[in-house]
């Protein structure tokens, strides 16, 4: 009798160990989260402000489904228009003439009914000017008024010539001064002659926790100025 009991107990232990191994080896299903994308663009010459917001849910941006926000989304206390783009993206948009305030709050209600608010902030470019010539062989010096460029910001110089050929130079932050000296290597691709130059200040942010993954961008476009490129 004892032999039968011992054999039964050994078999039970083996089955239990196997079940534990099988359960332990089962991969856990990744937790879903809310993916948020905010975008703000301001055209200074036209005083044109554009804001966009999109939301999706899933385990990754590539494996997510569009999410409609109950009650909609607001930007600077104004409701945004909802657009369904071929059932692949639900985008909330707002476009209007406005002064550049520098504070861009997005608001919406979460699934639990609580109000969520996210504030994007970036100082504008007040003005900019050149110190001396824009020289293909000697480079150029640019002064930009509007605060120092931060680590999460870029300054893009956009050139165009009489034939509408475009060329860009990107300067990345952080910057310790508002004066930027560009080398001849950076200006080598420019064409001599008259043209135009305008600047784009861009800020990119990212925030992530167990529940959300948020990316945001702000772009500020200055008016263009007339330039003359020399050899």
Protein backbone atom coordinates (compact mmCIF):
# COMPACT_ATOMS: atom_id res chain seq x y z
CA UNK A 1 0.00 0.00 0.00
CA UNK A 2 2.85 2.34 0.89
CA UNK A 3 4.51 1.63 -2.45
CA UNK A 4 1.31 2.65 -4.31
CA UNK A 5 1.00 5.83 -2.25
CA UNK A 6 4.65 6.74 -2.90
CA UNK A 7 4.30 6.19 -6.63
CA UNK A 8 1.09 8.24 -6.75
CA UNK A 9 2.72 11.08 -4.80
CA UNK A 10 5.77 11.10 -7.10
CA UNK A 11 3.52 11.21 -10.16
CA UNK A 12 1.55 14.12 -8.63
CA UNK A 13 4.77 16.08 -7.98
CA UNK A 14 5.95 15.54 -11.56
CA UNK A 15 2.63 16.70 -12.99
CA UNK A 16 2.59 19.76 -10.73
CA UNK A 17 6.15 20.70 -11.69
CA UNK A 18 5.34 20.34 -15.36
CA UNK A 19 2.27 22.53 -14.99
CA UNK A 20 4.32 25.19 -13.20
CA UNK A 21 6.94 25.15 -15.93
CA UNK A 22 4.26 25.38 -18.61
CA UNK A 23 2.53 28.27 -16.86
CA UNK A 24 5.81 30.08 -16.23
CA UNK A 25 6.86 29.82 -19.85
CA UNK A 26 3.65 31.40 -21.17
CA UNK A 27 4.45 34.88 -22.49
CA UNK A 28 2.56 37.72 -20.84
CA UNK A 29 0.37 39.81 -23.10
CA UNK A 30 1.81 43.33 -23.43
CA UNK A 31 -0.22 46.05 -21.78
CA UNK A 32 -1.95 48.46 -24.11
CA UNK A 33 -1.37 52.18 -23.76
CA UNK A 34 -2.64 55.43 -25.22
CA UNK A 35 -0.48 56.98 -27.95
CA UNK A 36 -0.85 60.76 -28.33
CA UNK A 37 0.60 63.02 -31.04
CA UNK A 38 0.35 66.83 -30.74
CA UNK A 39 1.54 69.25 -33.43
CA UNK A 40 1.53 73.07 -33.53
CA UNK A 41 2.69 75.27 -36.43
CA UNK A 42 2.77 79.05 -36.57
CA UNK A 43 3.42 81.14 -39.71
CA UNK A 44 4.46 84.59 -38.49
CA UNK A 45 4.04 86.37 -41.82
CA UNK A 46 0.40 85.29 -42.13
CA UNK A 47 -0.28 85.15 -38.34
CA UNK A 48 -1.57 81.66 -39.07
CA UNK A 49 -1.85 79.09 -36.26
CA UNK A 50 -2.47 75.39 -36.90
CA UNK A 51 -2.87 72.67 -34.28
CA UNK A 52 -3.38 68.92 -34.68
CA UNK A 53 -3.95 66.06 -32.25
CA UNK A 54 -4.31 62.32 -32.86
CA UNK A 55 -4.82 59.36 -30.54
CA UNK A 56 -4.51 55.59 -30.83
CA UNK A 57 -4.49 52.59 -28.51
CA UNK A 58 -2.39 49.45 -28.65
CA UNK A 59 0.87 47.84 -27.62
CA UNK A 60 2.98 49.97 -30.00
CA UNK A 61 2.43 52.80 -32.51
CA UNK A 62 2.58 50.28 -35.38
CA UNK A 63 0.13 47.93 -33.64
CA UNK A 64 -2.47 50.43 -32.53
CA UNK A 65 -5.98 51.40 -33.60
CA UNK A 66 -7.37 54.94 -33.92
CA UNK A 67 -9.13 56.27 -30.84
CA UNK A 68 -12.03 58.67 -30.85
CA UNK A 69 -12.11 60.99 -27.85
CA UNK A 70 -15.58 61.21 -26.28
CA UNK A 71 -16.47 64.87 -26.00
CA UNK A 72 -13.76 65.90 -28.44
CA UNK A 73 -10.50 67.78 -27.95
CA UNK A 74 -9.94 71.48 -27.27
CA UNK A 75 -6.96 73.68 -28.04
CA UNK A 76 -6.52 77.05 -26.31
CA UNK A 77 -10.11 76.66 -25.06
CA UNK A 78 -11.51 76.22 -28.59
CA UNK A 79 -13.01 73.00 -29.91
CA UNK A 80 -11.07 71.14 -32.58
CA UNK A 81 -12.65 69.63 -35.70
CA UNK A 82 -12.61 65.84 -35.86
CA UNK A 83 -11.53 64.20 -39.12
CA UNK A 84 -11.57 60.48 -39.87
CA UNK A 85 -8.85 59.77 -42.45
CA UNK A 86 -9.80 56.53 -44.24
CA UNK A 87 -10.51 54.87 -40.87
CA UNK A 88 -6.75 54.76 -40.22
CA UNK A 89 -6.31 58.02 -38.31
CA UNK A 90 -8.71 60.15 -36.30
CA UNK A 91 -7.25 63.65 -36.28
CA UNK A 92 -8.44 66.71 -34.41
CA UNK A 93 -7.58 70.01 -36.12
CA UNK A 94 -7.85 73.73 -35.58
CA UNK A 95 -6.61 76.49 -37.88
CA UNK A 96 -7.05 80.26 -37.41
CA UNK A 97 -5.41 83.65 -37.47
CA UNK A 98 -3.88 84.46 -34.11
CA UNK A 99 -1.06 86.15 -32.28
CA UNK A 100 1.74 83.90 -31.11
CA UNK A 101 1.09 83.36 -27.40
CA UNK A 102 3.72 80.68 -26.80
CA UNK A 103 1.49 78.53 -24.56
CA UNK A 104 -0.45 75.77 -26.33
CA UNK A 105 -2.79 73.76 -24.08
CA UNK A 106 -4.56 70.65 -25.39
CA UNK A 107 -7.46 69.32 -23.29
CA UNK A 108 -9.66 66.22 -23.44
CA UNK A 109 -11.48 63.79 -21.18
CA UNK A 110 -9.88 60.44 -20.43
CA UNK A 111 -11.88 57.19 -20.32
CA UNK A 112 -12.32 57.59 -16.56
CA UNK A 113 -14.02 60.96 -17.10
CA UNK A 114 -11.15 63.01 -15.71
CA UNK A 115 -10.04 66.10 -17.61
CA UNK A 116 -6.53 65.85 -19.06
CA UNK A 117 -4.47 68.90 -20.03
CA UNK A 118 -1.10 69.05 -21.76
CA UNK A 119 0.73 72.35 -22.25
CA UNK A 120 3.30 72.86 -25.00
CA UNK A 121 5.47 75.96 -24.68
CA UNK A 122 8.10 77.55 -26.91
CA UNK A 123 9.41 81.10 -27.20
CA UNK A 124 9.14 82.61 -30.70
CA UNK A 125 11.82 84.16 -32.90
CA UNK A 126 11.32 87.90 -32.45
CA UNK A 127 13.60 88.84 -35.34
CA UNK A 128 16.94 87.92 -36.92
CA UNK A 129 19.64 89.63 -38.94
CA UNK A 130 22.96 88.96 -40.65
CA UNK A 131 26.32 90.28 -39.52
CA UNK A 132 28.19 90.84 -42.76
CA UNK A 133 27.83 88.89 -45.97
CA UNK A 134 26.60 85.42 -46.74
CA UNK A 135 29.75 84.10 -48.38
CA UNK A 136 30.12 80.74 -50.07
CA UNK A 137 33.86 80.69 -49.36
CA UNK A 138 33.86 82.39 -45.92
CA UNK A 139 30.61 81.35 -44.28
CA UNK A 140 28.19 83.67 -42.49
CA UNK A 141 27.12 84.98 -39.08
CA UNK A 142 23.48 85.09 -38.00
CA UNK A 143 21.93 86.73 -34.92
CA UNK A 144 18.56 85.39 -33.73
CA UNK A 145 16.57 87.26 -31.10
CA UNK A 146 14.10 85.24 -29.09
CA UNK A 147 15.94 83.32 -26.40
CA UNK A 148 18.56 80.60 -26.50
CA UNK A 149 17.93 77.41 -28.47
CA UNK A 150 17.31 74.58 -25.98
CA UNK A 151 18.50 70.97 -26.11
CA UNK A 152 15.17 69.77 -27.52
CA UNK A 153 15.07 72.51 -30.18
CA UNK A 154 16.46 73.10 -33.66
CA UNK A 155 16.95 76.15 -35.83
CA UNK A 156 16.52 75.52 -39.55
CA UNK A 157 17.76 78.09 -42.09
CA UNK A 158 15.84 77.85 -45.35
CA UNK A 159 17.42 79.51 -48.40
CA UNK A 160 15.97 79.97 -51.86
CA UNK A 161 17.47 81.61 -54.95
CA UNK A 162 16.00 83.35 -58.00
CA UNK A 163 15.29 80.01 -59.65
CA UNK A 164 13.47 78.75 -56.52
CA UNK A 165 16.18 76.25 -55.72
CA UNK A 166 16.06 75.51 -52.00
CA UNK A 167 18.77 74.68 -49.49
CA UNK A 168 18.59 74.22 -45.74
CA UNK A 169 21.02 74.28 -42.82
CA UNK A 170 20.00 72.81 -39.47
CA UNK A 171 21.49 74.02 -36.19
CA UNK A 172 20.78 71.90 -33.11
CA UNK A 173 20.57 73.01 -29.49
CA UNK A 174 21.52 73.67 -26.84
CA UNK A 175 23.06 77.01 -27.82
CA UNK A 176 25.01 79.25 -25.47
CA UNK A 177 24.51 82.39 -27.51
CA UNK A 178 22.03 83.96 -29.93
CA UNK A 179 24.83 84.47 -32.48
CA UNK A 180 25.58 81.62 -34.87
CA UNK A 181 28.69 81.42 -37.03
CA UNK A 182 28.42 79.08 -40.01
CA UNK A 183 31.49 77.61 -41.66
CA UNK A 184 32.27 77.67 -45.42
CA UNK A 185 31.46 73.97 -45.48
CA UNK A 186 27.91 74.79 -44.38
CA UNK A 187 27.41 77.53 -46.99
CA UNK A 188 29.25 75.78 -49.84
CA UNK A 189 26.06 74.54 -51.50
CA UNK A 190 24.53 78.03 -51.84
CA UNK A 191 24.36 79.73 -55.24
CA UNK A 192 25.71 83.29 -55.65
CA UNK A 193 23.17 86.02 -56.27
CA UNK A 194 19.95 87.35 -54.75
CA UNK A 195 17.59 85.14 -52.80
CA UNK A 196 15.52 84.82 -49.67
CA UNK A 197 16.07 83.41 -46.20
CA UNK A 198 13.62 82.49 -43.47
CA UNK A 199 14.04 80.54 -40.25
CA UNK A 200 12.12 77.72 -38.63
CA UNK A 201 12.41 77.11 -34.90
CA UNK A 202 11.33 73.58 -33.98
CA UNK A 203 10.84 71.90 -30.63
CA UNK A 204 10.31 68.14 -30.13
CA UNK A 205 9.20 66.49 -26.89
CA UNK A 206 8.47 62.97 -25.74
CA UNK A 207 6.79 61.68 -22.58
CA UNK A 208 6.16 58.06 -21.68
CA UNK A 209 4.85 56.05 -18.75
CA UNK A 210 2.88 52.83 -18.26
CA UNK A 211 -0.35 54.40 -19.51
CA UNK A 212 0.60 56.87 -22.27
CA UNK A 213 3.22 57.56 -24.90
CA UNK A 214 3.15 61.19 -26.02
CA UNK A 215 5.13 62.95 -28.75
CA UNK A 216 4.74 66.63 -29.59
CA UNK A 217 6.25 69.18 -31.97
CA UNK A 218 6.06 72.96 -32.32
CA UNK A 219 7.24 74.85 -35.41
CA UNK A 220 7.59 78.62 -35.72
CA UNK A 221 8.19 80.09 -39.22
CA UNK A 222 9.56 83.62 -39.56
CA UNK A 223 8.86 85.96 -42.49
CA UNK A 224 11.48 85.79 -45.25
CA UNK A 225 14.14 88.43 -45.73
CA UNK A 226 15.97 89.35 -48.95
CA UNK A 227 19.58 88.24 -49.10
CA UNK A 228 22.57 88.40 -51.44
CA UNK A 229 24.96 85.47 -51.56
CA UNK A 230 28.56 86.27 -52.58
CA UNK A 231 31.46 84.04 -53.52
